[in-house]
N, C-alpha and C. Protein backbone atom coordinates (compact mmCIF):
# COMPACT_ATOMS: atom_id res chain seq x y z
N UNK A 1 54.80 66.02 125.14
CA UNK A 1 55.39 66.58 124.37
C UNK A 1 56.41 67.06 125.61
N UNK A 2 56.38 67.72 126.67
CA UNK A 2 57.14 68.19 127.89
C UNK A 2 58.46 66.73 127.74
N UNK A 3 57.58 65.72 128.02
CA UNK A 3 58.42 64.84 128.50
C UNK A 3 59.76 64.49 127.02
N UNK A 4 58.84 64.23 125.76
CA UNK A 4 60.21 64.35 124.63
C UNK A 4 61.01 65.20 124.48
N UNK A 5 60.28 66.24 124.95
CA UNK A 5 61.62 67.29 124.84
C UNK A 5 63.20 66.76 125.38
N UNK A 6 62.66 66.94 126.68
CA UNK A 6 63.63 66.69 128.04
C UNK A 6 64.28 65.58 127.95
N UNK A 7 63.54 64.34 127.08
CA UNK A 7 64.57 62.93 126.90
C UNK A 7 65.36 63.10 125.13
N UNK A 8 64.92 64.41 124.54
CA UNK A 8 65.91 64.50 123.38
C UNK A 8 66.90 65.27 123.93
N UNK A 9 66.91 66.07 124.97
CA UNK A 9 68.06 66.99 125.45
C UNK A 9 69.05 65.95 126.04
N UNK A 10 68.54 65.19 127.02
CA UNK A 10 69.54 64.09 127.27
C UNK A 10 70.07 63.65 126.39
N UNK A 11 69.27 62.37 125.73
CA UNK A 11 70.03 62.50 124.91
C UNK A 11 71.31 63.36 123.97
N UNK A 12 71.04 64.01 123.58
CA UNK A 12 71.80 65.38 122.93
C UNK A 12 73.03 65.22 123.67
N UNK A 13 72.94 65.68 125.34
CA UNK A 13 73.91 65.61 126.20
C UNK A 13 74.64 64.31 125.92
N UNK A 14 74.13 63.18 126.69
CA UNK A 14 74.94 62.22 126.65
C UNK A 14 75.90 61.96 125.41
N UNK A 15 75.36 61.86 124.41
CA UNK A 15 75.94 61.08 122.95
C UNK A 15 77.35 62.40 122.22
N UNK A 16 76.99 63.73 123.33
CA UNK A 16 77.47 64.73 122.68
C UNK A 16 79.43 65.15 123.92
N UNK A 17 79.25 64.47 125.01
CA UNK A 17 79.85 63.96 126.18
C UNK A 17 81.17 63.01 125.21
N UNK A 18 82.51 63.72 125.82
CA UNK A 18 83.09 63.07 125.57
C UNK A 18 83.68 61.67 126.28
N UNK A 19 84.34 60.38 125.77
CA UNK A 19 83.68 59.35 126.50
C UNK A 19 85.62 59.20 127.55
N UNK A 20 86.34 58.95 128.18
CA UNK A 20 87.20 59.35 128.90
C UNK A 20 87.99 58.12 128.68
N UNK A 21 87.32 56.69 128.06
CA UNK A 21 88.16 55.96 127.48
C UNK A 21 88.27 55.98 127.09
N UNK A 22 90.11 55.93 126.57
CA UNK A 22 91.11 55.88 125.76
C UNK A 22 91.44 57.83 125.15
N UNK A 23 90.84 58.00 124.92
CA UNK A 23 90.44 59.89 124.83
C UNK A 23 91.57 60.74 124.86
N UNK A 24 91.75 60.21 125.66
CA UNK A 24 92.97 61.57 126.56
C UNK A 24 94.73 60.39 126.85
N UNK A 25 95.56 60.86 126.25
CA UNK A 25 97.13 60.07 126.40
C UNK A 25 97.41 59.81 128.31
N UNK A 26 97.77 58.42 128.78
CA UNK A 26 98.53 58.74 129.39
C UNK A 26 100.04 59.59 129.80
N UNK A 27 100.30 60.30 129.09
CA UNK A 27 100.77 61.64 129.12
C UNK A 27 100.91 62.68 128.10
N UNK A 28 100.73 63.63 128.84
CA UNK A 28 101.06 64.67 127.59
C UNK A 28 100.65 65.94 127.51
N UNK A 29 101.24 66.76 127.14
CA UNK A 29 101.32 68.39 127.35
C UNK A 29 101.39 69.43 126.58
N UNK A 30 100.50 70.06 126.65
CA UNK A 30 99.89 71.21 125.92
C UNK A 30 99.59 71.86 126.11
N UNK A 31 100.42 73.36 125.67
CA UNK A 31 100.27 74.67 125.91
C UNK A 31 100.40 75.67 124.58
N UNK A 32 99.76 76.77 124.82
CA UNK A 32 100.15 78.01 123.63
C UNK A 32 102.16 78.50 123.78
N UNK A 33 102.31 77.90 123.20
CA UNK A 33 103.96 79.48 122.67
C UNK A 33 103.84 80.07 122.12
N UNK A 34 104.00 81.52 122.47
CA UNK A 34 104.47 82.49 121.54
C UNK A 34 102.98 82.67 121.05
N UNK A 35 101.75 82.17 121.39
CA UNK A 35 100.29 82.33 121.00
C UNK A 35 99.73 80.84 120.33
N UNK A 36 100.39 79.86 119.92
CA UNK A 36 99.99 79.28 119.09
C UNK A 36 100.16 77.77 119.69
N UNK A 37 99.32 76.70 119.22
CA UNK A 37 99.01 75.58 120.09
C UNK A 37 100.79 75.06 119.42
N UNK A 38 101.08 74.28 120.79
CA UNK A 38 102.13 73.35 121.52
C UNK A 38 101.84 72.49 121.59
N UNK A 39 102.62 71.32 121.21
CA UNK A 39 102.68 69.43 122.27
C UNK A 39 103.00 69.23 122.31
N UNK A 40 103.67 68.36 123.86
CA UNK A 40 103.80 67.46 123.46
C UNK A 40 103.98 66.47 123.99
N UNK A 41 105.41 65.32 124.26
CA UNK A 41 104.76 64.66 125.52
C UNK A 41 105.65 64.65 126.30
N UNK A 42 105.01 64.29 127.58
CA UNK A 42 105.60 64.40 129.15
C UNK A 42 107.01 62.87 129.41
N UNK A 43 107.83 63.58 130.06
CA UNK A 43 108.30 62.94 130.68
C UNK A 43 109.20 63.41 131.75
N UNK A 44 108.52 62.16 133.21
CA UNK A 44 109.07 62.60 134.19
C UNK A 44 110.33 61.86 135.22
N UNK A 45 110.91 62.04 136.02
CA UNK A 45 111.84 61.73 136.68
C UNK A 45 112.70 62.50 137.76
N UNK A 46 112.54 61.78 138.64
CA UNK A 46 113.24 62.24 139.84
C UNK A 46 114.93 61.96 139.78
N UNK A 47 115.61 63.72 140.44
CA UNK A 47 116.74 63.81 140.29
C UNK A 47 117.76 62.94 141.10
N UNK A 48 117.97 62.42 141.24
CA UNK A 48 118.81 61.01 142.44
C UNK A 48 119.89 62.03 143.05
N UNK A 49 120.46 62.77 142.74
CA UNK A 49 121.66 63.34 142.39
C UNK A 49 121.20 65.04 143.58
N UNK A 50 119.58 65.45 144.23
CA UNK A 50 119.40 65.94 145.10
C UNK A 50 118.79 65.79 145.92
N UNK A 51 118.60 64.82 146.86
CA UNK A 51 117.64 64.13 148.05
C UNK A 51 116.57 63.53 146.91
N UNK A 52 116.47 63.39 145.97
CA UNK A 52 115.48 62.24 145.27
C UNK A 52 113.94 63.22 145.59
N UNK A 53 114.23 64.70 145.30
CA UNK A 53 112.75 65.36 145.42
C UNK A 53 112.52 66.49 144.82
N UNK A 54 113.90 66.44 144.29
CA UNK A 54 113.34 67.23 142.51
C UNK A 54 113.23 66.89 141.53
N UNK A 55 112.14 67.36 140.50
CA UNK A 55 111.07 66.61 139.93
C UNK A 55 111.57 67.45 138.14
N UNK A 56 111.76 66.66 137.58
CA UNK A 56 112.41 67.00 136.26
C UNK A 56 110.88 67.09 135.77
N UNK A 57 109.95 67.80 134.67
CA UNK A 57 109.23 67.59 134.09
C UNK A 57 109.78 68.81 132.53
N UNK A 58 109.85 67.42 131.52
CA UNK A 58 110.22 67.30 130.28
C UNK A 58 108.76 67.39 129.46
N UNK A 59 109.00 68.21 128.43
CA UNK A 59 107.88 68.21 127.53
C UNK A 59 108.44 67.83 126.04
N UNK A 60 108.65 66.86 124.96
CA UNK A 60 109.33 66.80 123.92
C UNK A 60 108.69 67.07 123.36
N UNK A 61 109.08 67.63 122.37
CA UNK A 61 108.38 68.04 121.15
C UNK A 61 109.43 67.31 119.89
N UNK A 62 108.94 68.24 118.89
CA UNK A 62 109.67 67.90 117.51
C UNK A 62 110.79 68.67 117.48
N UNK A 63 112.10 68.70 117.59
CA UNK A 63 113.29 69.10 117.08
C UNK A 63 113.41 70.69 118.84
N UNK A 64 112.77 70.00 119.72
CA UNK A 64 112.21 71.02 121.20
C UNK A 64 112.09 70.42 122.00
N UNK A 65 112.69 71.04 123.11
CA UNK A 65 111.84 70.67 125.02
C UNK A 65 112.29 71.31 125.64
N UNK A 66 110.47 71.17 126.12
CA UNK A 66 110.37 72.51 128.01
C UNK A 66 110.89 71.83 128.78
N UNK A 67 111.76 71.87 129.71
CA UNK A 67 112.20 71.44 131.16
C UNK A 67 112.18 71.88 132.15
N UNK A 68 110.98 71.94 133.26
CA UNK A 68 110.31 72.49 134.16
C UNK A 68 110.89 71.60 135.36
N UNK A 69 111.09 72.24 136.38
CA UNK A 69 112.39 71.91 137.81
C UNK A 69 111.62 72.20 138.94
N UNK A 70 111.41 71.53 139.72
CA UNK A 70 110.36 71.43 141.02
C UNK A 70 110.68 70.75 142.02
N UNK A 71 110.71 71.95 142.83
CA UNK A 71 111.52 70.51 144.36
C UNK A 71 109.55 69.80 144.86
N UNK A 72 109.58 68.80 143.99
CA UNK A 72 107.96 68.36 144.28
C UNK A 72 107.70 67.96 145.91
N UNK A 73 106.65 68.23 146.33
CA UNK A 73 106.32 68.56 148.00
C UNK A 73 104.56 67.66 148.00
N UNK A 74 104.03 68.17 146.79
CA UNK A 74 102.84 67.32 146.60
C UNK A 74 101.97 68.05 146.02
N UNK A 75 100.53 68.30 146.02
CA UNK A 75 99.94 69.50 145.43
C UNK A 75 99.68 70.78 145.89
N UNK A 76 99.30 71.23 144.75
CA UNK A 76 99.93 73.03 145.10
C UNK A 76 101.24 74.06 144.20
N UNK A 77 101.28 74.87 144.68
CA UNK A 77 102.15 75.86 143.13
C UNK A 77 103.30 75.87 143.01
N UNK A 78 104.06 75.78 142.55
CA UNK A 78 105.60 76.00 142.76
C UNK A 78 106.17 76.85 141.67
N UNK A 79 107.06 78.11 142.25
CA UNK A 79 107.77 78.82 141.13
C UNK A 79 108.39 78.40 140.80
N UNK A 80 108.57 78.92 139.34
CA UNK A 80 109.93 78.80 138.10
C UNK A 80 110.78 80.22 138.45
N UNK A 81 111.69 80.22 139.00
CA UNK A 81 112.37 81.14 138.67
C UNK A 81 113.82 80.77 138.24
N UNK A 82 115.23 81.39 138.91
CA UNK A 82 116.18 81.51 138.18
C UNK A 82 116.82 79.63 137.66
N UNK A 83 117.05 80.08 136.39
CA UNK A 83 117.25 77.76 135.76
C UNK A 83 116.49 76.98 135.99
N UNK A 84 114.76 77.15 136.46
CA UNK A 84 113.72 76.19 136.69
C UNK A 84 113.45 75.57 135.26
N UNK A 85 113.56 76.50 134.29
CA UNK A 85 112.82 76.60 133.26
C UNK A 85 113.72 76.87 132.13
N UNK A 86 113.83 75.68 131.41
CA UNK A 86 114.48 75.67 130.39
C UNK A 86 113.70 74.75 128.68
N UNK A 87 113.98 75.77 127.99
CA UNK A 87 113.50 75.98 126.86
C UNK A 87 114.50 75.50 124.97
N UNK A 88 114.41 74.33 124.97
CA UNK A 88 115.92 74.41 123.66
C UNK A 88 114.83 74.31 122.14
N UNK A 89 116.03 74.23 121.11
CA UNK A 89 115.70 73.50 120.35
C UNK A 89 117.10 73.06 119.59
N UNK A 90 116.76 71.91 118.60
CA UNK A 90 118.00 71.36 118.11
C UNK A 90 117.46 71.38 116.76
N UNK A 91 118.56 70.19 116.33
CA UNK A 91 118.83 69.99 114.85
C UNK A 91 118.96 68.38 114.59
N UNK A 92 118.06 68.01 114.35
CA UNK A 92 118.27 66.17 113.82
C UNK A 92 118.06 65.59 115.18
N UNK A 93 117.97 66.59 117.07
CA UNK A 93 117.77 66.10 117.84
C UNK A 93 119.58 66.15 118.83
N UNK A 94 120.24 66.45 117.98
CA UNK A 94 121.45 66.52 119.12
C UNK A 94 122.13 67.49 119.14
N UNK A 95 122.21 69.29 117.76
CA UNK A 95 122.63 69.97 117.96
C UNK A 95 121.38 70.42 117.97
N UNK A 96 122.37 71.34 119.59
CA UNK A 96 121.58 72.52 120.05
C UNK A 96 121.53 74.17 119.31
N UNK A 97 120.50 74.03 118.83
CA UNK A 97 120.25 75.40 117.62
C UNK A 97 119.69 76.86 118.09
N UNK A 98 119.31 77.08 120.26
CA UNK A 98 118.88 77.46 120.74
C UNK A 98 118.12 77.23 121.87
N UNK A 99 118.53 77.91 123.27
CA UNK A 99 118.53 77.74 124.33
C UNK A 99 117.72 79.16 124.73
N UNK A 100 116.36 79.14 126.09
CA UNK A 100 116.16 80.02 126.86
C UNK A 100 115.80 79.22 127.83
N UNK A 101 116.08 80.59 129.26
CA UNK A 101 115.76 80.03 130.18
C UNK A 101 115.33 80.77 131.29
N UNK A 102 114.70 80.42 132.52
CA UNK A 102 114.29 81.20 133.59
C UNK A 102 114.98 82.27 134.29
N UNK A 103 115.06 83.78 134.37
CA UNK A 103 116.29 84.31 134.96
C UNK A 103 116.21 85.23 136.29
N UNK A 104 114.38 84.90 136.71
CA UNK A 104 114.41 86.37 137.57
C UNK A 104 113.91 87.21 136.84
N UNK A 105 113.58 88.38 137.51
CA UNK A 105 112.59 89.90 137.07
C UNK A 105 111.40 89.32 135.83
N UNK A 106 111.46 89.76 134.74
CA UNK A 106 109.97 89.16 133.63
C UNK A 106 110.42 87.65 133.50
N UNK A 107 111.29 86.87 133.51
CA UNK A 107 111.32 85.71 132.99
C UNK A 107 111.44 84.75 134.08
N UNK A 108 110.07 84.37 134.34
CA UNK A 108 109.49 83.35 135.18
C UNK A 108 108.88 82.71 135.01
N UNK A 109 108.20 81.29 135.34
CA UNK A 109 106.89 80.87 135.47
C UNK A 109 105.96 80.36 136.77
N UNK A 110 105.44 79.39 136.38
CA UNK A 110 104.57 78.89 137.80
C UNK A 110 104.09 77.36 137.25
N UNK A 111 104.18 76.40 137.92
CA UNK A 111 103.84 74.82 137.92
C UNK A 111 102.50 74.93 139.10
N UNK A 112 102.22 74.25 138.85
CA UNK A 112 100.40 73.79 139.25
C UNK A 112 100.26 72.98 139.57
N UNK A 113 100.59 71.83 140.58
CA UNK A 113 100.17 70.14 140.53
C UNK A 113 98.73 70.23 140.98
N UNK A 114 98.36 69.90 140.68
CA UNK A 114 96.51 69.36 140.65
C UNK A 114 96.54 67.91 140.73
N UNK A 115 97.73 67.37 141.06
CA UNK A 115 97.06 66.00 141.21
C UNK A 115 98.56 65.14 141.68
N UNK A 116 98.79 64.47 142.30
CA UNK A 116 99.92 63.96 143.21
C UNK A 116 99.39 62.44 143.65
N UNK A 117 99.90 61.56 142.43
CA UNK A 117 99.62 59.98 142.78
C UNK A 117 100.95 59.25 143.65
N UNK A 118 101.33 59.29 144.89
CA UNK A 118 102.66 58.72 144.94
C UNK A 118 103.04 57.30 144.68
N UNK A 119 102.02 56.51 144.89
CA UNK A 119 101.69 54.80 144.98
C UNK A 119 102.10 55.40 143.03
N UNK A 120 100.96 55.41 142.24
CA UNK A 120 101.45 55.67 141.20
C UNK A 120 101.56 56.11 140.40
N UNK A 121 102.55 57.50 140.97
CA UNK A 121 103.91 57.90 140.97
C UNK A 121 103.33 59.06 139.41
N UNK A 122 102.08 59.02 139.33
CA UNK A 122 101.06 60.09 138.46
C UNK A 122 101.68 61.28 138.97
N UNK A 123 101.31 62.33 137.89
CA UNK A 123 101.61 63.74 138.06
C UNK A 123 100.72 64.94 137.10
N UNK A 124 99.69 65.64 137.43
CA UNK A 124 98.78 66.19 136.48
C UNK A 124 99.04 67.69 136.25
N UNK A 125 99.11 68.58 135.82
CA UNK A 125 99.24 69.64 136.83
C UNK A 125 98.86 70.78 135.14
N UNK A 126 99.34 72.19 135.75
CA UNK A 126 99.21 73.31 134.58
C UNK A 126 100.49 74.08 135.33
N UNK A 127 101.15 75.05 133.81
CA UNK A 127 102.02 75.80 133.61
C UNK A 127 102.03 77.36 133.14
N UNK A 128 102.66 77.78 133.61
CA UNK A 128 102.65 79.33 132.62
C UNK A 128 104.28 79.65 132.61
N UNK A 129 105.16 79.63 131.42
CA UNK A 129 106.92 80.60 131.81
C UNK A 129 107.19 81.19 130.53
N UNK A 130 107.87 82.43 131.29
CA UNK A 130 108.17 83.50 130.24
C UNK A 130 109.79 83.11 129.91
N UNK A 131 110.50 82.56 129.36
CA UNK A 131 112.02 81.85 128.86
C UNK A 131 112.22 82.56 127.99
N UNK A 132 113.78 84.09 128.75
CA UNK A 132 114.91 84.67 127.99
C UNK A 132 115.85 83.78 126.92
N UNK A 133 115.96 84.46 126.09
CA UNK A 133 116.73 83.63 125.47
C UNK A 133 117.98 83.77 125.19
N UNK A 134 119.07 82.67 125.78
CA UNK A 134 120.69 82.54 126.30
C UNK A 134 121.44 82.74 125.19
N UNK A 135 121.12 81.60 123.89
CA UNK A 135 121.82 81.71 123.14
C UNK A 135 121.21 80.79 121.16
N UNK A 136 121.61 81.20 119.88
CA UNK A 136 120.89 80.93 119.44
C UNK A 136 121.71 81.06 118.40
N UNK A 137 121.58 79.82 117.38
CA UNK A 137 122.94 79.20 116.15
C UNK A 137 122.22 78.64 115.36
N UNK A 138 121.42 79.26 113.94
CA UNK A 138 121.69 80.75 113.90
C UNK A 138 121.11 81.67 114.21
N UNK A 139 121.04 82.67 114.42
CA UNK A 139 120.47 83.91 115.47
C UNK A 139 119.02 83.91 114.59
N UNK A 140 117.77 83.93 115.40
CA UNK A 140 116.61 83.83 115.38
C UNK A 140 115.77 84.61 115.25
N UNK A 141 116.14 85.84 116.13
CA UNK A 141 115.64 87.23 116.14
C UNK A 141 114.35 87.31 117.27
N UNK A 142 114.06 85.77 117.86
CA UNK A 142 112.98 85.64 118.75
C UNK A 142 113.64 85.31 120.11
N UNK A 143 113.57 86.73 121.21
CA UNK A 143 114.57 87.46 122.03
C UNK A 143 113.95 86.27 123.64
N UNK A 144 112.61 85.86 123.07
CA UNK A 144 111.23 85.13 124.45
C UNK A 144 110.82 84.06 124.14
N UNK A 145 110.47 82.90 124.82
CA UNK A 145 109.24 81.96 124.54
C UNK A 145 108.47 82.42 126.05
N UNK A 146 107.12 82.03 125.45
CA UNK A 146 106.12 82.50 126.74
C UNK A 146 105.37 81.42 126.24
N UNK A 147 105.48 80.10 127.11
CA UNK A 147 104.46 79.46 127.12
C UNK A 147 102.91 79.46 128.32
N UNK A 148 101.78 80.13 127.43
CA UNK A 148 100.95 80.04 128.20
C UNK A 148 99.51 78.78 128.38
N UNK A 149 98.78 79.04 128.97
CA UNK A 149 97.39 77.63 129.51
C UNK A 149 98.55 76.35 129.07
N UNK A 150 98.99 75.94 129.85
CA UNK A 150 100.27 74.87 129.61
C UNK A 150 99.23 73.82 130.28
N UNK A 151 99.02 72.72 130.78
CA UNK A 151 98.75 71.89 130.75
C UNK A 151 99.56 70.02 130.20
N UNK A 152 99.48 69.43 131.54
CA UNK A 152 100.94 67.92 131.30
C UNK A 152 99.93 66.63 132.06
N UNK A 153 100.18 65.82 132.31
CA UNK A 153 100.59 64.99 132.86
C UNK A 153 100.81 63.32 132.32
N UNK A 154 101.87 62.52 133.33
CA UNK A 154 102.72 61.82 133.19
C UNK A 154 102.97 60.92 134.37
N UNK A 155 103.64 59.91 133.93
CA UNK A 155 104.22 58.86 135.06
C UNK A 155 105.53 59.24 135.23
N UNK A 156 106.00 59.63 136.28
CA UNK A 156 107.20 59.88 137.13
C UNK A 156 108.11 57.86 136.75
N UNK A 157 109.08 58.07 136.09
CA UNK A 157 110.21 57.15 135.73
C UNK A 157 110.83 56.84 136.52
N UNK A 158 111.68 55.54 137.04
CA UNK A 158 112.19 55.40 138.05
C UNK A 158 113.90 55.69 137.29
């Protein structure tokens, strides 16, 4: 009886685990935006005009984009302070309808790089950020945007 119970438990555990082959996209960004689930597509590039070590991490959603800028030195924690975090919404992909930024004080954030494969150019990590409204047209009455429990993974483009 004991052997049957152990075998049954092992079978349940084995079949209830997710298979990592293809279940997680190569690039993703998930977070809670103002306490609501949010998802974007990750794109990353190095700023070639800034010694090539400033990494831009884009989370691109439908009509909205989150941008985080860090001086990448490897695995570790990075603060998002004045103007290092930006979130904006658009209409039709080209008309800016609102813009939010980090600016110090209560409007800051952080990125934790948990994986950096320099050869494969893959970066993975977590983030949280509080952004203050800079402009909105039409006025939307949302003074700040808060991203919490953020996770991302992506490949740095050339």
